[in-house]
């Protein structure tokens, strides 16, 4: 396992990050414990969670259960210091989370304290804004995205308020570093500029979707990541399982996310199938597991901090972690580039 430094933080994390959003719904506590034990044994020292989790499916009844399972594992094993732990504050829109309120200074402070209690720890290594108050183009929202409706002064005031609240949490020793999720290039730059102007904590990471089918980060955000030293934490590197090939030809395996969450957040459409098939056939032609090839590609990207994997079975987990040992040949990289030219945005 290789390790990378997140932004300018000095936090050294495994290039594979253990995602947790199925724990408490698709995965039991015993299964979550087994995944954490195995991941650590393979050199994975980075776990990512959120107060929102689990998400398969999302529900008021299971809200926060994933953090509770991780806290129980820390209490049982005493291995908190072996893990770089990331969590997130949920944004507006869900009535069962603080009445659906947007993220403010008060909600950040409340969310941090509640997560610490559930996680049974006195600090979180990386605390992230799960999504911005103003909206964004992620989760298939690009087709209706219209930033001209945003009020610039309001957005800037909200960003400053968030940074000031996060500063309070850093000073109190409750969090060590901060990050964003589902953000834009402009939004990330404003967090950076306001932090520098006011002496507030600097954004270290941005957690956005990145995979062979969805590579918007390759453009302006890649430039920002390079010049500003902001690391990408790639979520959905398998496009919610599409790139394993298991949903080809209309298949929806029993117990899979597709059988639970329907269209996989808008990803499971006929439009993606030709591109998915091309990548799966490329992997198989070279004797590779399609999921491992997809993950290994993500690891080649210069802006990558860590690739967040998720698994519901130990076989999946072993396969996904094993991608860290796979080096793609130049022929495969060229073939991937050719498929990307043909299908530049398949989901």
C-alpha atoms as a PDB file:
ATOM      1  CA  UNK A   1       0.000   0.000   0.000  1.00  0.00           C
ATOM      2  CA  UNK A   2       1.256   3.459  -0.918  1.00  0.00           C
ATOM      3  CA  UNK A   3       0.548   6.607   1.087  1.00  0.00           C
ATOM      4  CA  UNK A   4      -0.110  10.177   0.038  1.00  0.00           C
ATOM      5  CA  UNK A   5      -0.192  13.459   1.938  1.00  0.00           C
ATOM      6  CA  UNK A   6      -3.521  15.282   2.001  1.00  0.00           C
ATOM      7  CA  UNK A   7      -3.077  18.831   0.765  1.00  0.00           C
ATOM      8  CA  UNK A   8      -0.719  20.720   3.036  1.00  0.00           C
ATOM      9  CA  UNK A   9      -1.864  18.976   6.213  1.00  0.00           C
ATOM     10  CA  UNK A  10       0.919  16.479   6.788  1.00  0.00           C
ATOM     11  CA  UNK A  11      -1.721  13.751   7.162  1.00  0.00           C
ATOM     12  CA  UNK A  12      -0.384  10.638   5.425  1.00  0.00           C
ATOM     13  CA  UNK A  13      -3.196   8.421   4.166  1.00  0.00           C
ATOM     14  CA  UNK A  14      -3.367   5.180   2.230  1.00  0.00           C
ATOM     15  CA  UNK A  15      -4.145   5.677  -1.456  1.00  0.00           C
ATOM     16  CA  UNK A  16      -7.143   3.410  -0.890  1.00  0.00           C
ATOM     17  CA  UNK A  17      -9.718   4.767   1.563  1.00  0.00           C
ATOM     18  CA  UNK A  18     -12.343   2.541   3.188  1.00  0.00           C
ATOM     19  CA  UNK A  19     -15.817   3.889   2.483  1.00  0.00           C
ATOM     20  CA  UNK A  20     -18.580   3.062   4.923  1.00  0.00           C
ATOM     21  CA  UNK A  21     -21.944   4.152   3.546  1.00  0.00           C
ATOM     22  CA  UNK A  22     -23.440   0.636   3.457  1.00  0.00           C
ATOM     23  CA  UNK A  23     -22.776  -0.100   7.124  1.00  0.00           C
ATOM     24  CA  UNK A  24     -25.994  -0.236   9.100  1.00  0.00           C
ATOM     25  CA  UNK A  25     -28.214  -1.095   6.129  1.00  0.00           C
ATOM     26  CA  UNK A  26     -26.579  -3.508   3.669  1.00  0.00           C
ATOM     27  CA  UNK A  27     -23.895  -4.470   6.179  1.00  0.00           C
ATOM     28  CA  UNK A  28     -24.304  -5.544   9.794  1.00  0.00           C
ATOM     29  CA  UNK A  29     -22.079  -4.455  12.646  1.00  0.00           C
ATOM     30  CA  UNK A  30     -20.163  -7.740  12.484  1.00  0.00           C
ATOM     31  CA  UNK A  31     -19.541  -7.258   8.761  1.00  0.00           C
ATOM     32  CA  UNK A  32     -18.430  -3.650   9.284  1.00  0.00           C
ATOM     33  CA  UNK A  33     -16.004  -4.806  11.980  1.00  0.00           C
ATOM     34  CA  UNK A  34     -14.615  -7.481   9.644  1.00  0.00           C
ATOM     35  CA  UNK A  35     -14.095  -4.900   6.894  1.00  0.00           C
ATOM     36  CA  UNK A  36     -12.241  -2.520   9.210  1.00  0.00           C
ATOM     37  CA  UNK A  37     -10.047  -5.310  10.586  1.00  0.00           C
ATOM     38  CA  UNK A  38      -9.144  -6.522   7.104  1.00  0.00           C
ATOM     39  CA  UNK A  39      -8.529  -3.048   5.689  1.00  0.00           C
ATOM     40  CA  UNK A  40      -6.076  -2.197   8.451  1.00  0.00           C
ATOM     41  CA  UNK A  41      -4.298  -5.520   7.946  1.00  0.00           C
ATOM     42  CA  UNK A  42      -3.742  -4.521   4.294  1.00  0.00           C
ATOM     43  CA  UNK A  43      -2.302  -1.116   5.124  1.00  0.00           C
ATOM     44  CA  UNK A  44      -5.471   0.933   4.677  1.00  0.00           C
ATOM     45  CA  UNK A  45      -5.325   3.610   7.387  1.00  0.00           C
ATOM     46  CA  UNK A  46      -7.992   5.988   6.030  1.00  0.00           C
ATOM     47  CA  UNK A  47     -11.732   5.590   6.756  1.00  0.00           C
ATOM     48  CA  UNK A  48     -14.410   7.924   5.364  1.00  0.00           C
ATOM     49  CA  UNK A  49     -17.873   8.286   6.857  1.00  0.00           C
ATOM     50  CA  UNK A  50     -20.612  10.893   7.366  1.00  0.00           C
ATOM     51  CA  UNK A  51     -23.436  11.651   9.736  1.00  0.00           C
ATOM     52  CA  UNK A  52     -25.789  11.013   6.782  1.00  0.00           C
ATOM     53  CA  UNK A  53     -24.775   7.351   6.419  1.00  0.00           C
ATOM     54  CA  UNK A  54     -25.897   4.673   5.647  1.00  0.00           C
ATOM     55  CA  UNK A  55     -27.305   5.531   2.222  1.00  0.00           C
ATOM     56  CA  UNK A  56     -28.455   2.126   0.952  1.00  0.00           C
ATOM     57  CA  UNK A  57     -31.149   3.309   1.302  1.00  0.00           C
ATOM     58  CA  UNK A  58     -31.216   6.665   3.063  1.00  0.00           C
ATOM     59  CA  UNK A  59     -33.740   6.773   5.884  1.00  0.00           C
ATOM     60  CA  UNK A  60     -34.542   8.643   9.067  1.00  0.00           C
ATOM     61  CA  UNK A  61     -34.473   5.335  10.929  1.00  0.00           C
ATOM     62  CA  UNK A  62     -30.858   4.506  10.032  1.00  0.00           C
ATOM     63  CA  UNK A  63     -29.471   8.075  10.000  1.00  0.00           C
ATOM     64  CA  UNK A  64     -26.127   8.195  11.940  1.00  0.00           C
ATOM     65  CA  UNK A  65     -25.942   4.404  12.344  1.00  0.00           C
ATOM     66  CA  UNK A  66     -22.681   4.114  10.385  1.00  0.00           C
ATOM     67  CA  UNK A  67     -20.833   6.465  12.720  1.00  0.00           C
ATOM     68  CA  UNK A  68     -22.180   4.500  15.676  1.00  0.00           C
ATOM     69  CA  UNK A  69     -20.791   1.244  14.278  1.00  0.00           C
ATOM     70  CA  UNK A  70     -17.363   2.805  13.797  1.00  0.00           C
ATOM     71  CA  UNK A  71     -17.481   4.141  17.343  1.00  0.00           C
ATOM     72  CA  UNK A  72     -18.315   0.678  18.648  1.00  0.00           C
ATOM     73  CA  UNK A  73     -15.330  -0.738  16.739  1.00  0.00           C
ATOM     74  CA  UNK A  74     -12.997   1.879  18.217  1.00  0.00           C
ATOM     75  CA  UNK A  75     -14.303   1.050  21.689  1.00  0.00           C
ATOM     76  CA  UNK A  76     -13.839  -2.678  21.127  1.00  0.00           C
ATOM     77  CA  UNK A  77     -10.414  -2.612  19.474  1.00  0.00           C
ATOM     78  CA  UNK A  78      -8.752   0.495  20.907  1.00  0.00           C
ATOM     79  CA  UNK A  79      -7.350   1.236  17.436  1.00  0.00           C
ATOM     80  CA  UNK A  80      -8.446   4.858  17.052  1.00  0.00           C
ATOM     81  CA  UNK A  81      -4.838   6.065  16.698  1.00  0.00           C
ATOM     82  CA  UNK A  82      -4.258   3.652  13.789  1.00  0.00           C
ATOM     83  CA  UNK A  83      -6.895   5.373  11.652  1.00  0.00           C
ATOM     84  CA  UNK A  84      -7.093   8.693   9.809  1.00  0.00           C
ATOM     85  CA  UNK A  85     -10.809   9.314  10.209  1.00  0.00           C
ATOM     86  CA  UNK A  86     -12.919  11.534   7.951  1.00  0.00           C
ATOM     87  CA  UNK A  87     -16.546  12.499   8.451  1.00  0.00           C
ATOM     88  CA  UNK A  88     -18.991  15.082   7.094  1.00  0.00           C
ATOM     89  CA  UNK A  89     -21.758  17.463   8.124  1.00  0.00           C
ATOM     90  CA  UNK A  90     -24.928  17.030   6.057  1.00  0.00           C
ATOM     91  CA  UNK A  91     -26.364  19.962   4.172  1.00  0.00           C
ATOM     92  CA  UNK A  92     -29.922  21.161   3.733  1.00  0.00           C
ATOM     93  CA  UNK A  93     -32.842  19.218   2.392  1.00  0.00           C
ATOM     94  CA  UNK A  94     -33.624  16.309   4.695  1.00  0.00           C
ATOM     95  CA  UNK A  95     -36.272  17.081   7.345  1.00  0.00           C
ATOM     96  CA  UNK A  96     -34.911  14.484   9.768  1.00  0.00           C
ATOM     97  CA  UNK A  97     -31.500  16.211   9.857  1.00  0.00           C
ATOM     98  CA  UNK A  98     -31.838  19.394  11.921  1.00  0.00           C
ATOM     99  CA  UNK A  99     -35.207  20.079  10.320  1.00  0.00           C
ATOM    100  CA  UNK A 100     -33.674  20.283   6.859  1.00  0.00           C
ATOM    101  CA  UNK A 101     -31.715  23.425   7.763  1.00  0.00           C
ATOM    102  CA  UNK A 102     -28.739  24.614   5.696  1.00  0.00           C
ATOM    103  CA  UNK A 103     -25.208  24.444   7.057  1.00  0.00           C
ATOM    104  CA  UNK A 104     -24.445  27.332   9.424  1.00  0.00           C
ATOM    105  CA  UNK A 105     -21.911  27.924  12.183  1.00  0.00           C
ATOM    106  CA  UNK A 106     -24.363  26.489  14.694  1.00  0.00           C
ATOM    107  CA  UNK A 107     -25.085  23.345  12.675  1.00  0.00           C
ATOM    108  CA  UNK A 108     -21.353  22.724  12.142  1.00  0.00           C
ATOM    109  CA  UNK A 109     -20.634  22.938  15.868  1.00  0.00           C
ATOM    110  CA  UNK A 110     -23.607  20.728  16.698  1.00  0.00           C
ATOM    111  CA  UNK A 111     -22.709  18.183  14.005  1.00  0.00           C
ATOM    112  CA  UNK A 112     -19.078  17.948  15.128  1.00  0.00           C
ATOM    113  CA  UNK A 113     -20.043  17.330  18.744  1.00  0.00           C
ATOM    114  CA  UNK A 114     -22.672  14.749  17.799  1.00  0.00           C
ATOM    115  CA  UNK A 115     -20.279  12.896  15.477  1.00  0.00           C
ATOM    116  CA  UNK A 116     -17.581  12.819  18.160  1.00  0.00           C
ATOM    117  CA  UNK A 117     -20.028  11.242  20.583  1.00  0.00           C
ATOM    118  CA  UNK A 118     -21.204   8.616  18.090  1.00  0.00           C
ATOM    119  CA  UNK A 119     -17.659   7.836  16.935  1.00  0.00           C
ATOM    120  CA  UNK A 120     -16.467   7.557  20.574  1.00  0.00           C
ATOM    121  CA  UNK A 121     -13.440   9.720  19.907  1.00  0.00           C
ATOM    122  CA  UNK A 122     -12.312  13.173  20.942  1.00  0.00           C
ATOM    123  CA  UNK A 123     -11.114  14.250  17.482  1.00  0.00           C
ATOM    124  CA  UNK A 124     -11.889  13.810  13.784  1.00  0.00           C
ATOM    125  CA  UNK A 125      -8.895  14.013  11.451  1.00  0.00           C
ATOM    126  CA  UNK A 126     -10.730  15.432   8.431  1.00  0.00           C
ATOM    127  CA  UNK A 127     -14.123  17.111   8.709  1.00  0.00           C
ATOM    128  CA  UNK A 128     -15.926  17.873   5.442  1.00  0.00           C
ATOM    129  CA  UNK A 129     -18.862  19.961   4.201  1.00  0.00           C
ATOM    130  CA  UNK A 130     -20.982  17.273   2.523  1.00  0.00           C
ATOM    131  CA  UNK A 131     -22.593  19.611  -0.022  1.00  0.00           C
ATOM    132  CA  UNK A 132     -22.918  23.403  -0.375  1.00  0.00           C
ATOM    133  CA  UNK A 133     -25.989  25.369   0.630  1.00  0.00           C
ATOM    134  CA  UNK A 134     -26.207  27.054  -2.772  1.00  0.00           C
ATOM    135  CA  UNK A 135     -26.574  23.837  -4.775  1.00  0.00           C
ATOM    136  CA  UNK A 136     -24.166  22.163  -7.182  1.00  0.00           C
ATOM    137  CA  UNK A 137     -23.967  20.140 -10.392  1.00  0.00           C
ATOM    138  CA  UNK A 138     -23.102  16.793  -8.835  1.00  0.00           C
ATOM    139  CA  UNK A 139     -25.397  13.738  -8.598  1.00  0.00           C
ATOM    140  CA  UNK A 140     -26.595  14.170 -12.190  1.00  0.00           C
ATOM    141  CA  UNK A 141     -27.695  17.774 -11.564  1.00  0.00           C
ATOM    142  CA  UNK A 142     -25.536  19.189 -14.376  1.00  0.00           C
ATOM    143  CA  UNK A 143     -28.495  19.220 -16.757  1.00  0.00           C
ATOM    144  CA  UNK A 144     -30.396  21.789 -14.666  1.00  0.00           C
ATOM    145  CA  UNK A 145     -27.495  23.605 -12.984  1.00  0.00           C
ATOM    146  CA  UNK A 146     -27.785  27.400 -13.163  1.00  0.00           C
ATOM    147  CA  UNK A 147     -25.376  29.379 -10.944  1.00  0.00           C
ATOM    148  CA  UNK A 148     -26.761  32.686 -12.244  1.00  0.00           C
ATOM    149  CA  UNK A 149     -29.463  32.332  -9.582  1.00  0.00           C
ATOM    150  CA  UNK A 150     -26.914  32.545  -6.773  1.00  0.00           C
ATOM    151  CA  UNK A 151     -26.370  35.734  -4.789  1.00  0.00           C
ATOM    152  CA  UNK A 152     -22.613  36.257  -4.552  1.00  0.00           C
ATOM    153  CA  UNK A 153     -22.634  38.236  -1.306  1.00  0.00           C
ATOM    154  CA  UNK A 154     -24.768  35.612   0.423  1.00  0.00           C
ATOM    155  CA  UNK A 155     -22.540  32.766  -0.757  1.00  0.00           C
ATOM    156  CA  UNK A 156     -19.365  34.533   0.386  1.00  0.00           C
ATOM    157  CA  UNK A 157     -20.858  35.320   3.796  1.00  0.00           C
ATOM    158  CA  UNK A 158     -21.901  31.680   4.226  1.00  0.00           C
ATOM    159  CA  UNK A 159     -18.428  30.406   3.324  1.00  0.00           C
ATOM    160  CA  UNK A 160     -16.796  32.762   5.807  1.00  0.00           C
ATOM    161  CA  UNK A 161     -19.253  31.728   8.520  1.00  0.00           C
ATOM    162  CA  UNK A 162     -18.461  28.051   7.913  1.00  0.00           C
ATOM    163  CA  UNK A 163     -14.718  28.646   8.025  1.00  0.00           C
ATOM    164  CA  UNK A 164     -14.991  30.575  11.287  1.00  0.00           C
ATOM    165  CA  UNK A 165     -16.989  27.754  12.877  1.00  0.00           C
ATOM    166  CA  UNK A 166     -14.501  25.170  11.619  1.00  0.00           C
ATOM    167  CA  UNK A 167     -11.695  27.313  13.057  1.00  0.00           C
ATOM    168  CA  UNK A 168     -13.379  27.124  16.471  1.00  0.00           C
ATOM    169  CA  UNK A 169     -13.490  23.341  16.182  1.00  0.00           C
ATOM    170  CA  UNK A 170      -9.827  23.171  15.154  1.00  0.00           C
ATOM    171  CA  UNK A 171      -8.786  25.403  18.059  1.00  0.00           C
ATOM    172  CA  UNK A 172     -10.766  23.202  20.439  1.00  0.00           C
ATOM    173  CA  UNK A 173      -8.883  20.130  19.161  1.00  0.00           C
ATOM    174  CA  UNK A 174     -12.065  18.529  17.860  1.00  0.00           C
ATOM    175  CA  UNK A 175     -10.941  18.382  14.223  1.00  0.00           C
ATOM    176  CA  UNK A 176      -7.481  18.452  12.640  1.00  0.00           C
ATOM    177  CA  UNK A 177      -8.150  19.406   9.012  1.00  0.00           C
ATOM    178  CA  UNK A 178     -11.067  20.428   6.818  1.00  0.00           C
ATOM    179  CA  UNK A 179     -12.375  19.493   3.408  1.00  0.00           C
ATOM    180  CA  UNK A 180     -15.227  19.953   0.961  1.00  0.00           C
ATOM    181  CA  UNK A 181     -17.460  17.560  -0.921  1.00  0.00           C
ATOM    182  CA  UNK A 182     -19.625  17.995  -4.009  1.00  0.00           C
ATOM    183  CA  UNK A 183     -18.025  21.391  -4.617  1.00  0.00           C
ATOM    184  CA  UNK A 184     -17.188  23.391  -7.706  1.00  0.00           C
ATOM    185  CA  UNK A 185     -13.917  24.977  -8.763  1.00  0.00           C
ATOM    186  CA  UNK A 186     -15.123  28.507  -7.972  1.00  0.00           C
ATOM    187  CA  UNK A 187     -16.524  27.447  -4.605  1.00  0.00           C
ATOM    188  CA  UNK A 188     -13.308  25.736  -3.591  1.00  0.00           C
ATOM    189  CA  UNK A 189     -11.269  28.776  -4.598  1.00  0.00           C
ATOM    190  CA  UNK A 190     -13.439  31.044  -2.450  1.00  0.00           C
ATOM    191  CA  UNK A 191     -12.858  28.832   0.582  1.00  0.00           C
ATOM    192  CA  UNK A 192      -9.127  29.065  -0.093  1.00  0.00           C
ATOM    193  CA  UNK A 193      -9.118  32.829  -0.660  1.00  0.00           C
ATOM    194  CA  UNK A 194     -11.206  33.660   2.403  1.00  0.00           C
ATOM    195  CA  UNK A 195      -9.125  31.353   4.582  1.00  0.00           C
ATOM    196  CA  UNK A 196      -5.944  33.108   3.483  1.00  0.00           C
ATOM    197  CA  UNK A 197      -7.441  36.577   3.919  1.00  0.00           C
ATOM    198  CA  UNK A 198      -8.777  35.940   7.420  1.00  0.00           C
ATOM    199  CA  UNK A 199      -6.212  33.480   8.784  1.00  0.00           C
ATOM    200  CA  UNK A 200      -8.684  30.584   8.892  1.00  0.00           C
ATOM    201  CA  UNK A 201      -8.174  26.840   8.268  1.00  0.00           C
ATOM    202  CA  UNK A 202      -7.204  25.929   4.735  1.00  0.00           C
ATOM    203  CA  UNK A 203      -9.170  23.427   2.657  1.00  0.00           C
ATOM    204  CA  UNK A 204      -7.076  20.268   2.279  1.00  0.00           C
ATOM    205  CA  UNK A 205      -9.353  18.046   0.218  1.00  0.00           C
ATOM    206  CA  UNK A 206     -12.354  17.954  -2.049  1.00  0.00           C
ATOM    207  CA  UNK A 207     -14.437  14.790  -2.163  1.00  0.00           C
ATOM    208  CA  UNK A 208     -16.153  14.596  -5.547  1.00  0.00           C
ATOM    209  CA  UNK A 209     -17.262  11.797  -7.820  1.00  0.00           C
ATOM    210  CA  UNK A 210     -14.548  10.518 -10.145  1.00  0.00           C
ATOM    211  CA  UNK A 211     -14.493   7.405 -12.295  1.00  0.00           C
ATOM    212  CA  UNK A 212     -13.968   6.245 -15.873  1.00  0.00           C
ATOM    213  CA  UNK A 213     -17.506   7.291 -16.778  1.00  0.00           C
ATOM    214  CA  UNK A 214     -17.454  10.689 -15.038  1.00  0.00           C
ATOM    215  CA  UNK A 215     -14.259  12.727 -15.250  1.00  0.00           C
ATOM    216  CA  UNK A 216     -15.271  16.379 -14.873  1.00  0.00           C
ATOM    217  CA  UNK A 217     -12.489  16.802 -12.288  1.00  0.00           C
ATOM    218  CA  UNK A 218      -9.931  16.444 -15.093  1.00  0.00           C
ATOM    219  CA  UNK A 219     -10.578  20.046 -16.157  1.00  0.00           C
ATOM    220  CA  UNK A 220     -10.640  23.208 -14.002  1.00  0.00           C
ATOM    221  CA  UNK A 221     -10.604  21.341 -10.707  1.00  0.00           C
ATOM    222  CA  UNK A 222      -7.465  19.457 -11.734  1.00  0.00           C
ATOM    223  CA  UNK A 223      -5.751  22.792 -12.334  1.00  0.00           C
ATOM    224  CA  UNK A 224      -6.869  24.119  -8.971  1.00  0.00           C
ATOM    225  CA  UNK A 225      -5.808  20.899  -7.219  1.00  0.00           C
ATOM    226  CA  UNK A 226      -2.331  21.194  -8.727  1.00  0.00           C
ATOM    227  CA  UNK A 227      -1.663  24.851  -8.026  1.00  0.00           C
ATOM    228  CA  UNK A 228      -3.397  25.013  -4.638  1.00  0.00           C
ATOM    229  CA  UNK A 229      -2.404  21.560  -3.369  1.00  0.00           C
ATOM    230  CA  UNK A 230      -5.939  20.368  -2.716  1.00  0.00           C
ATOM    231  CA  UNK A 231      -6.246  16.586  -2.887  1.00  0.00           C
ATOM    232  CA  UNK A 232      -9.158  14.798  -4.532  1.00  0.00           C
ATOM    233  CA  UNK A 233     -10.893  12.097  -2.530  1.00  0.00           C
ATOM    234  CA  UNK A 234     -12.691  10.178  -5.273  1.00  0.00           C
ATOM    235  CA  UNK A 235     -16.081   8.790  -4.360  1.00  0.00           C
ATOM    236  CA  UNK A 236     -17.963   6.309  -6.560  1.00  0.00           C
ATOM    237  CA  UNK A 237     -14.761   5.239  -8.377  1.00  0.00           C
ATOM    238  CA  UNK A 238     -16.729   2.274  -9.740  1.00  0.00           C
ATOM    239  CA  UNK A 239     -19.712   4.482 -10.663  1.00  0.00           C
ATOM    240  CA  UNK A 240     -21.809   2.835  -7.943  1.00  0.00           C
ATOM    241  CA  UNK A 241     -20.799  -0.600  -9.220  1.00  0.00           C
ATOM    242  CA  UNK A 242     -21.458  -0.030 -12.931  1.00  0.00           C
ATOM    243  CA  UNK A 243     -17.789  -0.490 -13.826  1.00  0.00           C
ATOM    244  CA  UNK A 244     -17.701  -3.963 -12.312  1.00  0.00           C
ATOM    245  CA  UNK A 245     -19.952  -4.987 -15.195  1.00  0.00           C
ATOM    246  CA  UNK A 246     -22.584  -6.525 -12.944  1.00  0.00           C
ATOM    247  CA  UNK A 247     -25.418  -4.335 -14.287  1.00  0.00           C
ATOM    248  CA  UNK A 248     -24.801  -4.982 -17.987  1.00  0.00           C
ATOM    249  CA  UNK A 249     -27.677  -6.330 -20.081  1.00  0.00           C
ATOM    250  CA  UNK A 250     -30.238  -5.095 -17.590  1.00  0.00           C
ATOM    251  CA  UNK A 251     -28.998  -7.270 -14.728  1.00  0.00           C
ATOM    252  CA  UNK A 252     -29.672  -6.185 -11.141  1.00  0.00           C
ATOM    253  CA  UNK A 253     -28.122  -8.773  -8.821  1.00  0.00           C
ATOM    254  CA  UNK A 254     -30.077  -9.480  -5.662  1.00  0.00           C
ATOM    255  CA  UNK A 255     -28.749  -7.470  -2.728  1.00  0.00           C
ATOM    256  CA  UNK A 256     -26.848  -5.031  -4.945  1.00  0.00           C
ATOM    257  CA  UNK A 257     -27.211  -1.264  -4.670  1.00  0.00           C
ATOM    258  CA  UNK A 258     -29.083  -1.318  -7.968  1.00  0.00           C
ATOM    259  CA  UNK A 259     -31.705  -3.584  -6.448  1.00  0.00           C
ATOM    260  CA  UNK A 260     -32.071  -1.220  -3.473  1.00  0.00           C
ATOM    261  CA  UNK A 261     -31.502   2.294  -4.836  1.00  0.00           C
ATOM    262  CA  UNK A 262     -33.163   1.826  -8.220  1.00  0.00           C
ATOM    263  CA  UNK A 263     -31.257   3.816 -10.825  1.00  0.00           C
ATOM    264  CA  UNK A 264     -28.084   4.273  -8.720  1.00  0.00           C
ATOM    265  CA  UNK A 265     -28.604   7.979  -8.283  1.00  0.00           C
ATOM    266  CA  UNK A 266     -29.381   8.520 -11.969  1.00  0.00           C
ATOM    267  CA  UNK A 267     -26.374   6.533 -13.204  1.00  0.00           C
ATOM    268  CA  UNK A 268     -28.149   3.361 -14.277  1.00  0.00           C
ATOM    269  CA  UNK A 269     -29.513   4.447 -17.652  1.00  0.00           C
ATOM    270  CA  UNK A 270     -29.184   3.007 -21.166  1.00  0.00           C
ATOM    271  CA  UNK A 271     -26.874   5.938 -22.006  1.00  0.00           C
ATOM    272  CA  UNK A 272     -24.034   4.549 -19.873  1.00  0.00           C
ATOM    273  CA  UNK A 273     -24.119   0.975 -21.140  1.00  0.00           C
ATOM    274  CA  UNK A 274     -21.950   1.313 -24.311  1.00  0.00           C
ATOM    275  CA  UNK A 275     -19.155   3.031 -22.384  1.00  0.00           C
ATOM    276  CA  UNK A 276     -19.395   0.621 -19.470  1.00  0.00           C
ATOM    277  CA  UNK A 277     -19.304  -2.340 -21.836  1.00  0.00           C
ATOM    278  CA  UNK A 278     -16.237  -0.942 -23.596  1.00  0.00           C
ATOM    279  CA  UNK A 279     -14.299  -0.571 -20.344  1.00  0.00           C
ATOM    280  CA  UNK A 280     -15.366  -3.998 -19.055  1.00  0.00           C
ATOM    281  CA  UNK A 281     -14.402  -5.681 -22.338  1.00  0.00           C
ATOM    282  CA  UNK A 282     -11.041  -3.881 -22.324  1.00  0.00           C
ATOM    283  CA  UNK A 283     -10.271  -5.197 -18.851  1.00  0.00           C
ATOM    284  CA  UNK A 284     -11.275  -8.738 -19.694  1.00  0.00           C
ATOM    285  CA  UNK A 285      -9.280  -8.694 -22.933  1.00  0.00           C
ATOM    286  CA  UNK A 286      -6.178  -8.031 -20.855  1.00  0.00           C
ATOM    287  CA  UNK A 287      -7.038 -10.592 -18.179  1.00  0.00           C
ATOM    288  CA  UNK A 288      -7.929  -7.941 -15.611  1.00  0.00           C
ATOM    289  CA  UNK A 289     -10.801  -7.649 -13.184  1.00  0.00           C
ATOM    290  CA  UNK A 290     -12.912  -4.705 -14.485  1.00  0.00           C
ATOM    291  CA  UNK A 291     -13.322  -3.209 -11.021  1.00  0.00           C
ATOM    292  CA  UNK A 292      -9.595  -3.382 -10.331  1.00  0.00           C
ATOM    293  CA  UNK A 293      -8.795  -1.751 -13.667  1.00  0.00           C
ATOM    294  CA  UNK A 294     -11.218   1.088 -12.950  1.00  0.00           C
ATOM    295  CA  UNK A 295      -9.731   1.694  -9.508  1.00  0.00           C
ATOM    296  CA  UNK A 296      -6.154   1.398 -10.732  1.00  0.00           C
ATOM    297  CA  UNK A 297      -6.891   4.048 -13.359  1.00  0.00           C
ATOM    298  CA  UNK A 298      -8.072   6.454 -10.674  1.00  0.00           C
ATOM    299  CA  UNK A 299      -4.815   5.883  -8.805  1.00  0.00           C
ATOM    300  CA  UNK A 300      -2.834   7.107 -11.826  1.00  0.00           C
ATOM    301  CA  UNK A 301      -4.302  10.609 -11.628  1.00  0.00           C
ATOM    302  CA  UNK A 302      -1.840  13.232 -10.353  1.00  0.00           C
ATOM    303  CA  UNK A 303      -4.456  15.062  -8.272  1.00  0.00           C
ATOM    304  CA  UNK A 304      -5.594  11.968  -6.388  1.00  0.00           C
ATOM    305  CA  UNK A 305      -5.318  11.965  -2.625  1.00  0.00           C
ATOM    306  CA  UNK A 306      -7.170   8.712  -2.036  1.00  0.00           C
ATOM    307  CA  UNK A 307      -9.747   6.555  -3.808  1.00  0.00           C
ATOM    308  CA  UNK A 308     -12.752   5.715  -1.640  1.00  0.00           C
ATOM    309  CA  UNK A 309     -13.892   2.138  -2.082  1.00  0.00           C
ATOM    310  CA  UNK A 310     -17.078   0.573  -0.781  1.00  0.00           C
ATOM    311  CA  UNK A 311     -17.944  -3.087  -0.497  1.00  0.00           C
ATOM    312  CA  UNK A 312     -20.805  -5.164   0.781  1.00  0.00           C
ATOM    313  CA  UNK A 313     -18.887  -8.459   0.753  1.00  0.00           C
ATOM    314  CA  UNK A 314     -15.395  -9.445   1.778  1.00  0.00           C
ATOM    315  CA  UNK A 315     -14.697 -10.729  -1.727  1.00  0.00           C
ATOM    316  CA  UNK A 316     -15.484  -7.270  -3.113  1.00  0.00           C
ATOM    317  CA  UNK A 317     -13.325  -5.652  -0.458  1.00  0.00           C
ATOM    318  CA  UNK A 318     -10.353  -7.886  -1.213  1.00  0.00           C
ATOM    319  CA  UNK A 319     -10.694  -7.190  -4.935  1.00  0.00           C
ATOM    320  CA  UNK A 320     -10.947  -3.440  -4.446  1.00  0.00           C
ATOM    321  CA  UNK A 321      -8.008  -3.154  -2.057  1.00  0.00           C
ATOM    322  CA  UNK A 322      -6.004  -5.360  -4.414  1.00  0.00           C
ATOM    323  CA  UNK A 323      -6.234  -2.636  -7.059  1.00  0.00           C
ATOM    324  CA  UNK A 324      -3.456  -0.813  -5.203  1.00  0.00           C
ATOM    325  CA  UNK A 325      -1.034  -3.465  -6.498  1.00  0.00           C
ATOM    326  CA  UNK A 326      -2.134  -3.200 -10.135  1.00  0.00           C
ATOM    327  CA  UNK A 327      -0.071  -1.113 -12.572  1.00  0.00           C
ATOM    328  CA  UNK A 328      -1.769  -0.470 -15.883  1.00  0.00           C
ATOM    329  CA  UNK A 329       0.293  -0.864 -19.041  1.00  0.00           C
ATOM    330  CA  UNK A 330       0.727   1.919 -21.566  1.00  0.00           C
ATOM    331  CA  UNK A 331      -1.436  -0.050 -24.013  1.00  0.00           C
ATOM    332  CA  UNK A 332      -4.292  -0.150 -21.519  1.00  0.00           C
ATOM    333  CA  UNK A 333      -3.921   3.546 -20.698  1.00  0.00           C
ATOM    334  CA  UNK A 334      -4.064   4.416 -24.393  1.00  0.00           C
ATOM    335  CA  UNK A 335      -7.136   2.233 -24.858  1.00  0.00           C
ATOM    336  CA  UNK A 336      -8.819   3.937 -21.894  1.00  0.00           C
ATOM    337  CA  UNK A 337      -8.043   7.318 -23.461  1.00  0.00           C
ATOM    338  CA  UNK A 338      -9.620   6.197 -26.744  1.00  0.00           C
ATOM    339  CA  UNK A 339     -12.801   5.029 -25.014  1.00  0.00           C
ATOM    340  CA  UNK A 340     -12.969   8.292 -23.083  1.00  0.00           C
ATOM    341  CA  UNK A 341     -12.763  10.262 -26.337  1.00  0.00           C
ATOM    342  CA  UNK A 342     -15.689   8.250 -27.661  1.00  0.00           C
ATOM    343  CA  UNK A 343     -17.758   8.504 -24.439  1.00  0.00           C
ATOM    344  CA  UNK A 344     -16.525  11.630 -22.628  1.00  0.00           C
ATOM    345  CA  UNK A 345     -19.407  11.809 -20.140  1.00  0.00           C
ATOM    346  CA  UNK A 346     -21.447   8.673 -19.934  1.00  0.00           C
ATOM    347  CA  UNK A 347     -23.283   9.322 -16.668  1.00  0.00           C
END
